[in-house]
């Protein structure tokens, strides 16, 4: 289960990371990751309040070798630098097929109570596995939370922590469905996890 930290109200520290599904934007505030989006994603920057134009100006943390220099040049405060470095390391491991634990990244995702409950339900989906919208609805009902598949889909689409909170692992009963980052990104992520899950379990 990811560790949640209460975010502060200052402007977030921003970084980018080039990934197999596109350029990612990382946002940290108060020593915690508050956003992780891919370029062109629906609801990009929400609810943090950044846009893609400002995100493109952020320091690049893709290269492990150059990461220290990029962090020094960005002049983020120490807590945000640690959060962004931890996120970049998590992404390194994830795209290498190593199934890193979300607990290694301090998280602070803003959302409604219902959204938080949906995101917590998807947090429990193991690497390489999927759950249907109906299964998430049933899990919420068991916890006393009224929900519908449409409401769950709306909450998943507004997940501000792409990949680390694995909304790509929620699918329709008849196969992959919508995804805020696009269908091709979802297909790539599911195939990547399916191909590497046996080596990490």
C-alpha atoms as a PDB file:
ATOM      1  CA  UNK A   1       0.000   0.000   0.000  1.00  0.00           C
ATOM      2  CA  UNK A   2       1.460   3.402  -0.965  1.00  0.00           C
ATOM      3  CA  UNK A   3       2.327   5.822   1.826  1.00  0.00           C
ATOM      4  CA  UNK A   4       0.140   8.926   1.719  1.00  0.00           C
ATOM      5  CA  UNK A   5       1.481  12.324   2.791  1.00  0.00           C
ATOM      6  CA  UNK A   6      -0.594  15.481   3.136  1.00  0.00           C
ATOM      7  CA  UNK A   7       0.451  17.861   0.332  1.00  0.00           C
ATOM      8  CA  UNK A   8       1.362  21.501   0.936  1.00  0.00           C
ATOM      9  CA  UNK A   9      -0.059  24.391  -1.095  1.00  0.00           C
ATOM     10  CA  UNK A  10       3.144  25.599  -2.813  1.00  0.00           C
ATOM     11  CA  UNK A  11       3.865  25.239  -6.530  1.00  0.00           C
ATOM     12  CA  UNK A  12       5.034  21.726  -7.340  1.00  0.00           C
ATOM     13  CA  UNK A  13       8.547  20.789  -8.432  1.00  0.00           C
ATOM     14  CA  UNK A  14       8.305  19.391 -11.960  1.00  0.00           C
ATOM     15  CA  UNK A  15      10.446  16.882 -13.848  1.00  0.00           C
ATOM     16  CA  UNK A  16      10.109  14.808 -17.002  1.00  0.00           C
ATOM     17  CA  UNK A  17      10.970  11.204 -17.825  1.00  0.00           C
ATOM     18  CA  UNK A  18      10.989   9.666 -21.310  1.00  0.00           C
ATOM     19  CA  UNK A  19       9.260   6.293 -21.200  1.00  0.00           C
ATOM     20  CA  UNK A  20       8.136   3.628 -23.682  1.00  0.00           C
ATOM     21  CA  UNK A  21       4.578   5.031 -23.523  1.00  0.00           C
ATOM     22  CA  UNK A  22       5.637   8.670 -23.980  1.00  0.00           C
ATOM     23  CA  UNK A  23       7.081  11.571 -22.034  1.00  0.00           C
ATOM     24  CA  UNK A  24       6.000  11.501 -18.403  1.00  0.00           C
ATOM     25  CA  UNK A  25       5.646  14.549 -16.163  1.00  0.00           C
ATOM     26  CA  UNK A  26       6.372  14.118 -12.454  1.00  0.00           C
ATOM     27  CA  UNK A  27       5.157  16.659  -9.885  1.00  0.00           C
ATOM     28  CA  UNK A  28       6.253  16.774  -6.239  1.00  0.00           C
ATOM     29  CA  UNK A  29       5.040  19.035  -3.463  1.00  0.00           C
ATOM     30  CA  UNK A  30       5.754  18.934   0.244  1.00  0.00           C
ATOM     31  CA  UNK A  31       8.144  16.009  -0.195  1.00  0.00           C
ATOM     32  CA  UNK A  32       5.592  13.760  -1.910  1.00  0.00           C
ATOM     33  CA  UNK A  33       4.654  12.869  -5.470  1.00  0.00           C
ATOM     34  CA  UNK A  34       1.364  14.613  -6.273  1.00  0.00           C
ATOM     35  CA  UNK A  35       1.176  13.886  -9.994  1.00  0.00           C
ATOM     36  CA  UNK A  36       2.452  11.574 -12.717  1.00  0.00           C
ATOM     37  CA  UNK A  37       0.974  11.998 -16.197  1.00  0.00           C
ATOM     38  CA  UNK A  38       1.906  11.124 -19.780  1.00  0.00           C
ATOM     39  CA  UNK A  39       1.867  13.715 -22.564  1.00  0.00           C
ATOM     40  CA  UNK A  40      -1.582  14.027 -24.115  1.00  0.00           C
ATOM     41  CA  UNK A  41      -3.311  12.304 -21.217  1.00  0.00           C
ATOM     42  CA  UNK A  42      -6.898  13.218 -20.440  1.00  0.00           C
ATOM     43  CA  UNK A  43      -7.000  15.332 -17.243  1.00  0.00           C
ATOM     44  CA  UNK A  44      -3.276  16.099 -17.560  1.00  0.00           C
ATOM     45  CA  UNK A  45      -2.082  18.177 -14.596  1.00  0.00           C
ATOM     46  CA  UNK A  46      -5.282  17.864 -12.604  1.00  0.00           C
ATOM     47  CA  UNK A  47      -5.898  18.517  -9.810  1.00  0.00           C
ATOM     48  CA  UNK A  48      -2.404  19.966  -9.299  1.00  0.00           C
ATOM     49  CA  UNK A  49      -2.991  22.831 -11.745  1.00  0.00           C
ATOM     50  CA  UNK A  50      -0.157  22.499 -14.253  1.00  0.00           C
ATOM     51  CA  UNK A  51      -0.345  22.370 -18.034  1.00  0.00           C
ATOM     52  CA  UNK A  52       1.698  20.574 -20.663  1.00  0.00           C
ATOM     53  CA  UNK A  53       3.446  23.765 -21.804  1.00  0.00           C
ATOM     54  CA  UNK A  54       4.968  24.393 -18.361  1.00  0.00           C
ATOM     55  CA  UNK A  55       5.716  20.695 -17.948  1.00  0.00           C
ATOM     56  CA  UNK A  56       7.840  20.673 -21.111  1.00  0.00           C
ATOM     57  CA  UNK A  57      10.230  23.150 -19.446  1.00  0.00           C
ATOM     58  CA  UNK A  58      10.954  20.813 -16.520  1.00  0.00           C
ATOM     59  CA  UNK A  59      14.273  19.049 -15.903  1.00  0.00           C
ATOM     60  CA  UNK A  60      14.749  15.612 -17.463  1.00  0.00           C
ATOM     61  CA  UNK A  61      15.344  12.696 -15.065  1.00  0.00           C
ATOM     62  CA  UNK A  62      15.397   9.921 -17.684  1.00  0.00           C
ATOM     63  CA  UNK A  63      19.146   9.212 -17.538  1.00  0.00           C
ATOM     64  CA  UNK A  64      20.434   7.640 -14.312  1.00  0.00           C
ATOM     65  CA  UNK A  65      23.903   8.993 -15.104  1.00  0.00           C
ATOM     66  CA  UNK A  66      22.738  12.605 -15.515  1.00  0.00           C
ATOM     67  CA  UNK A  67      20.068  12.580 -12.814  1.00  0.00           C
ATOM     68  CA  UNK A  68      22.211  14.128 -10.084  1.00  0.00           C
ATOM     69  CA  UNK A  69      23.193  17.034 -12.328  1.00  0.00           C
ATOM     70  CA  UNK A  70      19.580  17.608 -13.395  1.00  0.00           C
ATOM     71  CA  UNK A  71      18.423  17.663  -9.773  1.00  0.00           C
ATOM     72  CA  UNK A  72      21.185  20.100  -8.773  1.00  0.00           C
ATOM     73  CA  UNK A  73      20.382  22.429 -11.675  1.00  0.00           C
ATOM     74  CA  UNK A  74      16.659  22.367 -10.900  1.00  0.00           C
ATOM     75  CA  UNK A  75      17.255  23.700  -7.367  1.00  0.00           C
ATOM     76  CA  UNK A  76      14.274  21.883  -5.880  1.00  0.00           C
ATOM     77  CA  UNK A  77      14.104  21.758  -2.113  1.00  0.00           C
ATOM     78  CA  UNK A  78      15.607  18.621  -0.617  1.00  0.00           C
ATOM     79  CA  UNK A  79      12.298  16.897   0.189  1.00  0.00           C
ATOM     80  CA  UNK A  80      10.907  17.338  -3.337  1.00  0.00           C
ATOM     81  CA  UNK A  81      14.236  16.296  -4.880  1.00  0.00           C
ATOM     82  CA  UNK A  82      14.114  13.064  -2.838  1.00  0.00           C
ATOM     83  CA  UNK A  83      10.524  12.379  -3.950  1.00  0.00           C
ATOM     84  CA  UNK A  84      11.337  12.975  -7.618  1.00  0.00           C
ATOM     85  CA  UNK A  85      14.520  10.895  -7.440  1.00  0.00           C
ATOM     86  CA  UNK A  86      12.554   8.044  -5.809  1.00  0.00           C
ATOM     87  CA  UNK A  87       9.918   8.282  -8.541  1.00  0.00           C
ATOM     88  CA  UNK A  88      12.509   8.216 -11.332  1.00  0.00           C
ATOM     89  CA  UNK A  89      14.135   5.155  -9.723  1.00  0.00           C
ATOM     90  CA  UNK A  90      10.705   3.499  -9.459  1.00  0.00           C
ATOM     91  CA  UNK A  91      10.122   4.182 -13.165  1.00  0.00           C
ATOM     92  CA  UNK A  92      13.564   2.748 -14.036  1.00  0.00           C
ATOM     93  CA  UNK A  93      12.661  -0.458 -12.231  1.00  0.00           C
ATOM     94  CA  UNK A  94       9.114  -0.611 -13.580  1.00  0.00           C
ATOM     95  CA  UNK A  95      10.129  -0.288 -17.215  1.00  0.00           C
ATOM     96  CA  UNK A  96      12.886  -2.859 -16.614  1.00  0.00           C
ATOM     97  CA  UNK A  97      10.143  -5.301 -15.588  1.00  0.00           C
ATOM     98  CA  UNK A  98      11.094  -5.460 -11.914  1.00  0.00           C
ATOM     99  CA  UNK A  99       7.644  -4.762 -10.320  1.00  0.00           C
ATOM    100  CA  UNK A 100       8.831  -2.104  -7.831  1.00  0.00           C
ATOM    101  CA  UNK A 101       6.785  -1.451  -4.698  1.00  0.00           C
ATOM    102  CA  UNK A 102       4.752   1.791  -4.663  1.00  0.00           C
ATOM    103  CA  UNK A 103       5.745   2.082  -0.990  1.00  0.00           C
ATOM    104  CA  UNK A 104       9.181   3.338  -2.115  1.00  0.00           C
ATOM    105  CA  UNK A 105       7.620   6.587  -3.363  1.00  0.00           C
ATOM    106  CA  UNK A 106       5.950   9.043  -0.951  1.00  0.00           C
ATOM    107  CA  UNK A 107       2.519   9.824  -2.443  1.00  0.00           C
ATOM    108  CA  UNK A 108      -0.065  12.549  -1.870  1.00  0.00           C
ATOM    109  CA  UNK A 109      -2.963  12.269  -4.312  1.00  0.00           C
ATOM    110  CA  UNK A 110      -5.801  14.775  -4.017  1.00  0.00           C
ATOM    111  CA  UNK A 111      -9.285  13.501  -4.759  1.00  0.00           C
ATOM    112  CA  UNK A 112     -12.779  13.037  -3.403  1.00  0.00           C
ATOM    113  CA  UNK A 113     -13.461  10.409  -0.754  1.00  0.00           C
ATOM    114  CA  UNK A 114     -14.996   8.149  -3.414  1.00  0.00           C
ATOM    115  CA  UNK A 115     -12.026   8.589  -5.762  1.00  0.00           C
ATOM    116  CA  UNK A 116      -9.643   7.723  -2.918  1.00  0.00           C
ATOM    117  CA  UNK A 117     -11.600   4.538  -2.192  1.00  0.00           C
ATOM    118  CA  UNK A 118     -11.474   3.495  -5.855  1.00  0.00           C
ATOM    119  CA  UNK A 119      -7.739   4.243  -6.041  1.00  0.00           C
ATOM    120  CA  UNK A 120      -7.132   2.210  -2.878  1.00  0.00           C
ATOM    121  CA  UNK A 121      -9.027  -0.699  -4.450  1.00  0.00           C
ATOM    122  CA  UNK A 122      -6.868  -0.588  -7.584  1.00  0.00           C
ATOM    123  CA  UNK A 123      -3.710  -0.348  -5.421  1.00  0.00           C
ATOM    124  CA  UNK A 124      -4.426  -3.933  -4.339  1.00  0.00           C
ATOM    125  CA  UNK A 125      -4.201  -5.325  -7.903  1.00  0.00           C
ATOM    126  CA  UNK A 126      -0.894  -7.207  -8.166  1.00  0.00           C
ATOM    127  CA  UNK A 127       1.669  -6.593 -10.885  1.00  0.00           C
ATOM    128  CA  UNK A 128       0.746  -8.607 -13.966  1.00  0.00           C
ATOM    129  CA  UNK A 129      -2.879  -9.100 -12.881  1.00  0.00           C
ATOM    130  CA  UNK A 130      -6.089  -7.316 -13.852  1.00  0.00           C
ATOM    131  CA  UNK A 131      -9.495  -6.728 -12.293  1.00  0.00           C
ATOM    132  CA  UNK A 132     -12.729  -5.835 -14.031  1.00  0.00           C
ATOM    133  CA  UNK A 133     -14.798  -2.777 -13.271  1.00  0.00           C
ATOM    134  CA  UNK A 134     -17.391  -5.152 -11.851  1.00  0.00           C
ATOM    135  CA  UNK A 135     -14.851  -6.692  -9.480  1.00  0.00           C
ATOM    136  CA  UNK A 136     -13.840  -3.229  -8.235  1.00  0.00           C
ATOM    137  CA  UNK A 137     -17.533  -2.344  -7.747  1.00  0.00           C
ATOM    138  CA  UNK A 138     -18.047  -5.566  -5.756  1.00  0.00           C
ATOM    139  CA  UNK A 139     -14.952  -4.835  -3.637  1.00  0.00           C
ATOM    140  CA  UNK A 140     -16.303  -1.360  -2.846  1.00  0.00           C
ATOM    141  CA  UNK A 141     -19.764  -2.737  -2.029  1.00  0.00           C
ATOM    142  CA  UNK A 142     -18.175  -5.208   0.407  1.00  0.00           C
ATOM    143  CA  UNK A 143     -16.564  -2.210   2.139  1.00  0.00           C
ATOM    144  CA  UNK A 144     -19.933  -0.434   2.321  1.00  0.00           C
ATOM    145  CA  UNK A 145     -19.182   2.038  -0.500  1.00  0.00           C
ATOM    146  CA  UNK A 146     -22.013   2.517  -3.034  1.00  0.00           C
ATOM    147  CA  UNK A 147     -20.553   2.388  -6.556  1.00  0.00           C
ATOM    148  CA  UNK A 148     -21.337   1.687 -10.188  1.00  0.00           C
ATOM    149  CA  UNK A 149     -19.021   0.691 -13.031  1.00  0.00           C
ATOM    150  CA  UNK A 150     -19.507   4.142 -14.584  1.00  0.00           C
ATOM    151  CA  UNK A 151     -18.563   5.900 -11.327  1.00  0.00           C
ATOM    152  CA  UNK A 152     -15.503   3.667 -10.940  1.00  0.00           C
ATOM    153  CA  UNK A 153     -14.477   4.476 -14.520  1.00  0.00           C
ATOM    154  CA  UNK A 154     -14.782   8.193 -13.805  1.00  0.00           C
ATOM    155  CA  UNK A 155     -12.574   7.897 -10.723  1.00  0.00           C
ATOM    156  CA  UNK A 156      -9.982   5.833 -12.591  1.00  0.00           C
ATOM    157  CA  UNK A 157      -9.826   8.421 -15.372  1.00  0.00           C
ATOM    158  CA  UNK A 158      -8.961  11.116 -12.812  1.00  0.00           C
ATOM    159  CA  UNK A 159      -6.169   9.138 -11.156  1.00  0.00           C
ATOM    160  CA  UNK A 160      -3.343  11.711 -10.873  1.00  0.00           C
ATOM    161  CA  UNK A 161      -0.625   9.086 -10.256  1.00  0.00           C
ATOM    162  CA  UNK A 162      -0.451   7.116 -13.504  1.00  0.00           C
ATOM    163  CA  UNK A 163       1.433   3.780 -13.319  1.00  0.00           C
ATOM    164  CA  UNK A 164       2.204   3.963  -9.587  1.00  0.00           C
ATOM    165  CA  UNK A 165      -1.522   3.777  -8.921  1.00  0.00           C
ATOM    166  CA  UNK A 166      -2.214   1.125 -11.591  1.00  0.00           C
ATOM    167  CA  UNK A 167      -5.489   2.137 -13.248  1.00  0.00           C
ATOM    168  CA  UNK A 168      -4.256   0.350 -16.384  1.00  0.00           C
ATOM    169  CA  UNK A 169      -4.909  -2.949 -14.572  1.00  0.00           C
ATOM    170  CA  UNK A 170      -8.677  -2.316 -14.502  1.00  0.00           C
ATOM    171  CA  UNK A 171     -10.340  -3.715 -17.622  1.00  0.00           C
ATOM    172  CA  UNK A 172     -13.815  -4.341 -18.989  1.00  0.00           C
ATOM    173  CA  UNK A 173     -15.252  -7.842 -18.615  1.00  0.00           C
ATOM    174  CA  UNK A 174     -14.613  -8.464 -22.325  1.00  0.00           C
ATOM    175  CA  UNK A 175     -11.027  -7.121 -22.379  1.00  0.00           C
ATOM    176  CA  UNK A 176      -9.086  -3.835 -22.204  1.00  0.00           C
ATOM    177  CA  UNK A 177     -11.202  -0.692 -22.112  1.00  0.00           C
ATOM    178  CA  UNK A 178     -10.713   3.060 -21.927  1.00  0.00           C
ATOM    179  CA  UNK A 179      -7.622   4.609 -20.396  1.00  0.00           C
ATOM    180  CA  UNK A 180      -6.835   8.277 -19.752  1.00  0.00           C
ATOM    181  CA  UNK A 181      -3.414   7.833 -21.376  1.00  0.00           C
ATOM    182  CA  UNK A 182      -4.890   6.104 -24.447  1.00  0.00           C
ATOM    183  CA  UNK A 183      -5.610   2.559 -25.553  1.00  0.00           C
ATOM    184  CA  UNK A 184      -2.166   1.905 -27.035  1.00  0.00           C
ATOM    185  CA  UNK A 185      -0.458   2.883 -23.766  1.00  0.00           C
ATOM    186  CA  UNK A 186      -2.769   0.589 -21.804  1.00  0.00           C
ATOM    187  CA  UNK A 187      -2.129  -2.296 -24.200  1.00  0.00           C
ATOM    188  CA  UNK A 188       1.648  -1.753 -23.919  1.00  0.00           C
ATOM    189  CA  UNK A 189       1.560  -1.678 -20.109  1.00  0.00           C
ATOM    190  CA  UNK A 190      -0.560  -4.830 -19.828  1.00  0.00           C
ATOM    191  CA  UNK A 191       1.674  -6.675 -22.314  1.00  0.00           C
ATOM    192  CA  UNK A 192       4.814  -5.483 -20.501  1.00  0.00           C
ATOM    193  CA  UNK A 193       3.521  -6.745 -17.158  1.00  0.00           C
ATOM    194  CA  UNK A 194       2.288 -10.033 -18.629  1.00  0.00           C
ATOM    195  CA  UNK A 195       5.711 -10.650 -20.189  1.00  0.00           C
ATOM    196  CA  UNK A 196       7.667  -9.886 -17.023  1.00  0.00           C
ATOM    197  CA  UNK A 197       5.354 -10.995 -14.182  1.00  0.00           C
ATOM    198  CA  UNK A 198       6.665 -14.567 -14.017  1.00  0.00           C
ATOM    199  CA  UNK A 199      10.210 -13.345 -13.395  1.00  0.00           C
ATOM    200  CA  UNK A 200       9.200 -11.188 -10.414  1.00  0.00           C
ATOM    201  CA  UNK A 201       6.721 -13.518  -8.681  1.00  0.00           C
END
